[in-house]
Structure formats: C-alpha cells, structure tokens
C-alpha cells in the first residue's frame, strides 16, 4: 500500500472531522460520559479495527480516549488510516464532549 501524498492527506482530512495531523499519523481525542462509556466505545473501535485488519494506538484515561492512526509498516499515512478514521467517526457517540 502506497503512502498518501501531502495533497491527498490534506484533502482527505476534510472528510474526517475531529482528526488532526501529527507528523506521520492522525489523532483524535474523544471525551465520553464516564469510564464505562469510554470502554464501550473502545470495544466498538476494536471490532472495527479488527475487521479492517488495521489497528490504532489507543490511550484510555477514565473518560478520555485518544486514538492514533498510522501505517507503521510503511512509515506514514495510507488509505487504510483514513478509511478507518471515517469508520471510527461513524461510531463516535453523538453525546460526546469533544
């Protein structure tokens, strides 16, 4: 899988609200109601990631979930990262406190 060009990254980030570029990765922070809601959300992300065979780095701090996507084997961003970000956005609860 080829790395995305800079112009492709900029353009595709417009379709994934909440995600920001940090070097060779994209990151999103989601703040939920409490720990249980954070874990429910993370489990949904885990199922989507497993199905996509592409796994984000996830940091959970009580009600705050930080997800980072990059394609480690290619050293940067690929279609897999942006595709999974779109899918994750579709499962973010509507009642989040971003």
N, C-alpha and C. Protein backbone atom coordinates (compact mmCIF):
# COMPACT_ATOMS: atom_id res chain seq x y z
N UNK A 1 0.85 -1.18 0.00
CA UNK A 1 0.00 0.00 0.00
C UNK A 1 0.90 1.24 0.00
N UNK A 2 0.58 2.17 -0.88
CA UNK A 2 1.40 3.37 -1.04
C UNK A 2 1.05 4.42 0.02
N UNK A 3 2.05 5.16 0.40
CA UNK A 3 1.82 6.31 1.28
C UNK A 3 1.02 7.36 0.53
N UNK A 4 0.17 8.06 1.25
CA UNK A 4 -0.58 9.16 0.65
C UNK A 4 0.34 10.35 0.42
N UNK A 5 0.11 11.05 -0.66
CA UNK A 5 0.85 12.30 -0.91
C UNK A 5 0.31 13.38 0.02
N UNK A 6 1.08 14.41 0.22
CA UNK A 6 0.68 15.50 1.11
C UNK A 6 -0.66 16.10 0.72
N UNK A 7 -0.86 16.35 -0.58
CA UNK A 7 -2.13 16.94 -1.01
C UNK A 7 -3.30 15.99 -0.76
N UNK A 8 -3.07 14.69 -0.88
CA UNK A 8 -4.13 13.71 -0.60
C UNK A 8 -4.49 13.70 0.89
N UNK A 9 -3.48 13.81 1.73
CA UNK A 9 -3.72 13.83 3.18
C UNK A 9 -4.55 15.05 3.55
N UNK A 10 -4.14 16.21 3.06
CA UNK A 10 -4.86 17.45 3.36
C UNK A 10 -6.31 17.35 2.90
N UNK A 11 -6.52 16.86 1.70
CA UNK A 11 -7.88 16.74 1.15
C UNK A 11 -8.72 15.74 1.94
N UNK A 12 -8.15 14.57 2.24
CA UNK A 12 -8.92 13.53 2.91
C UNK A 12 -9.20 13.86 4.38
N UNK A 13 -8.34 14.64 5.01
CA UNK A 13 -8.61 15.04 6.39
C UNK A 13 -9.88 15.87 6.50
N UNK A 14 -10.27 16.53 5.42
CA UNK A 14 -11.51 17.30 5.43
C UNK A 14 -12.74 16.41 5.62
N UNK A 15 -12.61 15.12 5.27
CA UNK A 15 -13.74 14.21 5.39
C UNK A 15 -13.78 13.46 6.72
N UNK A 16 -12.84 13.78 7.61
CA UNK A 16 -12.81 13.11 8.92
C UNK A 16 -12.72 14.16 10.04
N UNK A 17 -13.83 14.82 10.33
CA UNK A 17 -13.83 15.84 11.38
C UNK A 17 -13.34 15.26 12.70
N UNK A 18 -12.60 16.09 13.42
CA UNK A 18 -12.10 15.68 14.72
C UNK A 18 -10.69 15.11 14.69
N UNK A 19 -10.22 14.71 13.53
CA UNK A 19 -8.89 14.14 13.39
C UNK A 19 -7.91 15.24 13.02
N UNK A 20 -6.74 15.21 13.64
CA UNK A 20 -5.69 16.18 13.33
C UNK A 20 -4.43 15.43 12.93
N UNK A 21 -3.65 16.08 12.12
CA UNK A 21 -2.38 15.50 11.68
C UNK A 21 -1.32 15.77 12.71
N UNK A 22 -0.57 14.74 13.04
CA UNK A 22 0.58 14.87 13.93
C UNK A 22 1.73 14.10 13.30
N UNK A 23 2.52 14.78 12.50
CA UNK A 23 3.62 14.11 11.81
C UNK A 23 3.13 13.08 10.81
N UNK A 24 3.54 11.84 11.00
CA UNK A 24 3.17 10.75 10.10
C UNK A 24 1.92 10.00 10.56
N UNK A 25 1.11 10.65 11.37
CA UNK A 25 -0.10 10.00 11.88
C UNK A 25 -1.24 11.01 11.96
N UNK A 26 -2.43 10.47 12.23
CA UNK A 26 -3.58 11.32 12.54
C UNK A 26 -4.10 10.89 13.90
N UNK A 27 -4.66 11.86 14.63
CA UNK A 27 -5.07 11.61 16.01
C UNK A 27 -6.43 12.23 16.28
N UNK A 28 -7.22 11.53 17.08
CA UNK A 28 -8.50 12.08 17.53
C UNK A 28 -8.66 11.78 19.01
N UNK A 29 -9.16 12.77 19.73
CA UNK A 29 -9.49 12.63 21.14
C UNK A 29 -11.00 12.70 21.28
N UNK A 30 -11.54 11.73 22.02
CA UNK A 30 -12.98 11.69 22.28
C UNK A 30 -13.16 11.63 23.79
N UNK A 31 -13.96 12.55 24.33
CA UNK A 31 -14.27 12.58 25.76
C UNK A 31 -15.70 12.12 25.93
N UNK A 32 -15.87 11.05 26.70
CA UNK A 32 -17.18 10.46 26.88
C UNK A 32 -17.71 10.73 28.29
N UNK A 33 -18.90 10.24 28.55
CA UNK A 33 -19.58 10.49 29.82
C UNK A 33 -18.79 9.98 31.02
N UNK A 34 -18.24 8.78 30.91
CA UNK A 34 -17.52 8.17 32.04
C UNK A 34 -16.69 7.00 31.51
N UNK A 35 -16.06 6.27 32.42
CA UNK A 35 -15.18 5.17 32.05
C UNK A 35 -15.93 4.07 31.30
N UNK A 36 -17.10 3.70 31.78
CA UNK A 36 -17.87 2.63 31.13
C UNK A 36 -18.19 3.00 29.68
N UNK A 37 -18.63 4.24 29.45
CA UNK A 37 -18.91 4.67 28.08
C UNK A 37 -17.64 4.68 27.23
N UNK A 38 -16.53 5.05 27.82
CA UNK A 38 -15.25 5.03 27.10
C UNK A 38 -14.91 3.60 26.69
N UNK A 39 -15.11 2.65 27.58
CA UNK A 39 -14.79 1.26 27.27
C UNK A 39 -15.74 0.69 26.21
N UNK A 40 -17.00 1.04 26.27
CA UNK A 40 -17.95 0.59 25.24
C UNK A 40 -17.51 1.12 23.87
N UNK A 41 -17.14 2.39 23.85
CA UNK A 41 -16.67 3.00 22.60
C UNK A 41 -15.40 2.31 22.11
N UNK A 42 -14.44 2.10 23.00
CA UNK A 42 -13.18 1.46 22.61
C UNK A 42 -13.42 0.05 22.08
N UNK A 43 -14.33 -0.67 22.68
CA UNK A 43 -14.64 -2.01 22.19
C UNK A 43 -15.23 -1.96 20.79
N UNK A 44 -16.07 -0.97 20.51
CA UNK A 44 -16.61 -0.81 19.16
C UNK A 44 -15.51 -0.48 18.16
N UNK A 45 -14.57 0.38 18.58
CA UNK A 45 -13.42 0.71 17.73
C UNK A 45 -12.58 -0.54 17.49
N UNK A 46 -12.38 -1.34 18.53
CA UNK A 46 -11.58 -2.57 18.40
C UNK A 46 -12.20 -3.52 17.39
N UNK A 47 -13.51 -3.65 17.41
CA UNK A 47 -14.19 -4.54 16.45
C UNK A 47 -14.01 -4.03 15.03
N UNK A 48 -14.16 -2.73 14.84
CA UNK A 48 -13.97 -2.14 13.50
C UNK A 48 -12.53 -2.30 13.04
N UNK A 49 -11.59 -2.09 13.94
CA UNK A 49 -10.17 -2.20 13.60
C UNK A 49 -9.81 -3.64 13.23
N UNK A 50 -10.34 -4.57 13.98
CA UNK A 50 -10.06 -5.98 13.69
C UNK A 50 -10.61 -6.37 12.33
N UNK A 51 -11.82 -5.92 12.03
CA UNK A 51 -12.44 -6.21 10.74
C UNK A 51 -11.62 -5.60 9.60
N UNK A 52 -11.08 -4.40 9.83
CA UNK A 52 -10.27 -3.72 8.81
C UNK A 52 -8.83 -4.24 8.77
N UNK A 53 -8.46 -5.06 9.75
CA UNK A 53 -7.08 -5.54 9.90
C UNK A 53 -6.10 -4.35 9.93
N UNK A 54 -6.51 -3.34 10.69
CA UNK A 54 -5.70 -2.14 10.85
C UNK A 54 -6.00 -1.58 12.23
N UNK A 55 -5.01 -1.46 13.07
CA UNK A 55 -5.24 -1.22 14.48
C UNK A 55 -4.63 0.11 14.96
N UNK A 56 -5.48 0.97 15.52
CA UNK A 56 -4.97 2.25 16.04
C UNK A 56 -4.25 2.04 17.37
N UNK A 57 -3.40 2.98 17.69
CA UNK A 57 -2.88 3.06 19.05
C UNK A 57 -3.96 3.76 19.85
N UNK A 58 -4.33 3.20 20.99
CA UNK A 58 -5.42 3.74 21.79
C UNK A 58 -4.93 3.97 23.21
N UNK A 59 -5.17 5.19 23.71
CA UNK A 59 -4.85 5.55 25.09
C UNK A 59 -6.17 5.89 25.78
N UNK A 60 -6.44 5.22 26.90
CA UNK A 60 -7.69 5.44 27.63
C UNK A 60 -7.33 6.03 28.99
N UNK A 61 -7.91 7.17 29.31
CA UNK A 61 -7.75 7.83 30.60
C UNK A 61 -9.13 8.17 31.13
N UNK A 62 -9.67 7.30 31.95
CA UNK A 62 -11.00 7.39 32.52
C UNK A 62 -12.05 7.60 31.42
N UNK A 63 -12.43 8.83 31.11
CA UNK A 63 -13.46 9.06 30.10
C UNK A 63 -12.89 9.60 28.79
N UNK A 64 -11.59 9.66 28.68
CA UNK A 64 -10.93 10.25 27.51
C UNK A 64 -10.21 9.17 26.72
N UNK A 65 -10.54 9.11 25.44
CA UNK A 65 -9.94 8.12 24.54
C UNK A 65 -9.18 8.88 23.46
N UNK A 66 -7.89 8.58 23.32
CA UNK A 66 -7.06 9.17 22.27
C UNK A 66 -6.66 8.05 21.32
N UNK A 67 -7.00 8.23 20.05
CA UNK A 67 -6.69 7.23 19.03
C UNK A 67 -5.70 7.84 18.04
N UNK A 68 -4.69 7.06 17.70
CA UNK A 68 -3.70 7.50 16.73
C UNK A 68 -3.61 6.45 15.63
N UNK A 69 -3.69 6.91 14.40
CA UNK A 69 -3.61 6.03 13.24
C UNK A 69 -2.39 6.37 12.39
N UNK A 70 -1.68 5.35 12.01
CA UNK A 70 -0.60 5.44 11.05
C UNK A 70 -0.36 4.03 10.53
N UNK A 71 0.21 3.90 9.37
CA UNK A 71 0.55 2.58 8.86
C UNK A 71 2.02 2.36 9.16
N UNK A 72 2.28 1.71 10.29
CA UNK A 72 3.65 1.55 10.78
C UNK A 72 4.57 0.90 9.75
N UNK A 73 4.09 -0.13 9.07
CA UNK A 73 4.96 -0.85 8.14
C UNK A 73 5.38 -0.01 6.95
N UNK A 74 4.65 1.09 6.69
CA UNK A 74 5.01 1.98 5.59
C UNK A 74 5.57 3.32 6.07
N UNK A 75 5.52 3.54 7.38
CA UNK A 75 6.11 4.74 7.94
C UNK A 75 5.33 6.01 7.68
N UNK A 76 4.02 5.90 7.57
CA UNK A 76 3.22 7.11 7.33
C UNK A 76 1.76 6.77 7.10
N UNK A 77 1.07 7.71 6.49
CA UNK A 77 -0.37 7.59 6.28
C UNK A 77 -0.70 6.95 4.94
N UNK A 78 -1.65 6.02 5.01
CA UNK A 78 -2.15 5.35 3.81
C UNK A 78 -3.67 5.42 3.80
N UNK A 79 -4.26 4.90 2.75
CA UNK A 79 -5.72 4.83 2.65
C UNK A 79 -6.33 4.10 3.83
N UNK A 80 -5.61 3.09 4.36
CA UNK A 80 -6.14 2.33 5.50
C UNK A 80 -6.40 3.25 6.69
N UNK A 81 -5.53 4.20 6.92
CA UNK A 81 -5.68 5.10 8.06
C UNK A 81 -6.92 5.98 7.90
N UNK A 82 -7.06 6.60 6.74
CA UNK A 82 -8.19 7.50 6.53
C UNK A 82 -9.51 6.72 6.48
N UNK A 83 -9.48 5.54 5.90
CA UNK A 83 -10.68 4.71 5.85
C UNK A 83 -11.14 4.31 7.25
N UNK A 84 -10.20 3.91 8.10
CA UNK A 84 -10.57 3.54 9.47
C UNK A 84 -11.03 4.77 10.25
N UNK A 85 -10.43 5.92 10.01
CA UNK A 85 -10.87 7.16 10.68
C UNK A 85 -12.32 7.47 10.33
N UNK A 86 -12.69 7.30 9.07
CA UNK A 86 -14.08 7.52 8.65
C UNK A 86 -15.00 6.56 9.40
N UNK A 87 -14.59 5.30 9.48
CA UNK A 87 -15.41 4.31 10.18
C UNK A 87 -15.52 4.63 11.67
N UNK A 88 -14.41 5.00 12.29
CA UNK A 88 -14.45 5.36 13.71
C UNK A 88 -15.39 6.54 13.92
N UNK A 89 -15.32 7.53 13.05
CA UNK A 89 -16.23 8.68 13.17
C UNK A 89 -17.69 8.26 13.14
N UNK A 90 -17.99 7.20 12.40
CA UNK A 90 -19.38 6.76 12.31
C UNK A 90 -19.87 6.11 13.60
N UNK A 91 -18.95 5.72 14.49
CA UNK A 91 -19.36 5.09 15.74
C UNK A 91 -19.14 5.98 16.97
N UNK A 92 -18.63 7.18 16.75
CA UNK A 92 -18.47 8.12 17.87
C UNK A 92 -19.86 8.48 18.37
N UNK A 93 -20.10 8.33 19.67
CA UNK A 93 -21.43 8.68 20.21
C UNK A 93 -21.76 10.14 19.96
N UNK A 94 -23.03 10.41 19.74
CA UNK A 94 -23.47 11.78 19.49
C UNK A 94 -23.38 12.65 20.73
N UNK A 95 -23.29 12.03 21.90
CA UNK A 95 -23.30 12.80 23.14
C UNK A 95 -21.90 13.05 23.69
N UNK A 96 -20.89 13.01 22.84
CA UNK A 96 -19.53 13.23 23.32
C UNK A 96 -19.30 14.69 23.65
N UNK A 97 -18.21 14.94 24.38
CA UNK A 97 -17.88 16.30 24.83
C UNK A 97 -16.62 16.83 24.17
N UNK A 98 -16.27 16.45 22.98
CA UNK A 98 -15.00 16.82 22.36
C UNK A 98 -14.53 18.20 22.73
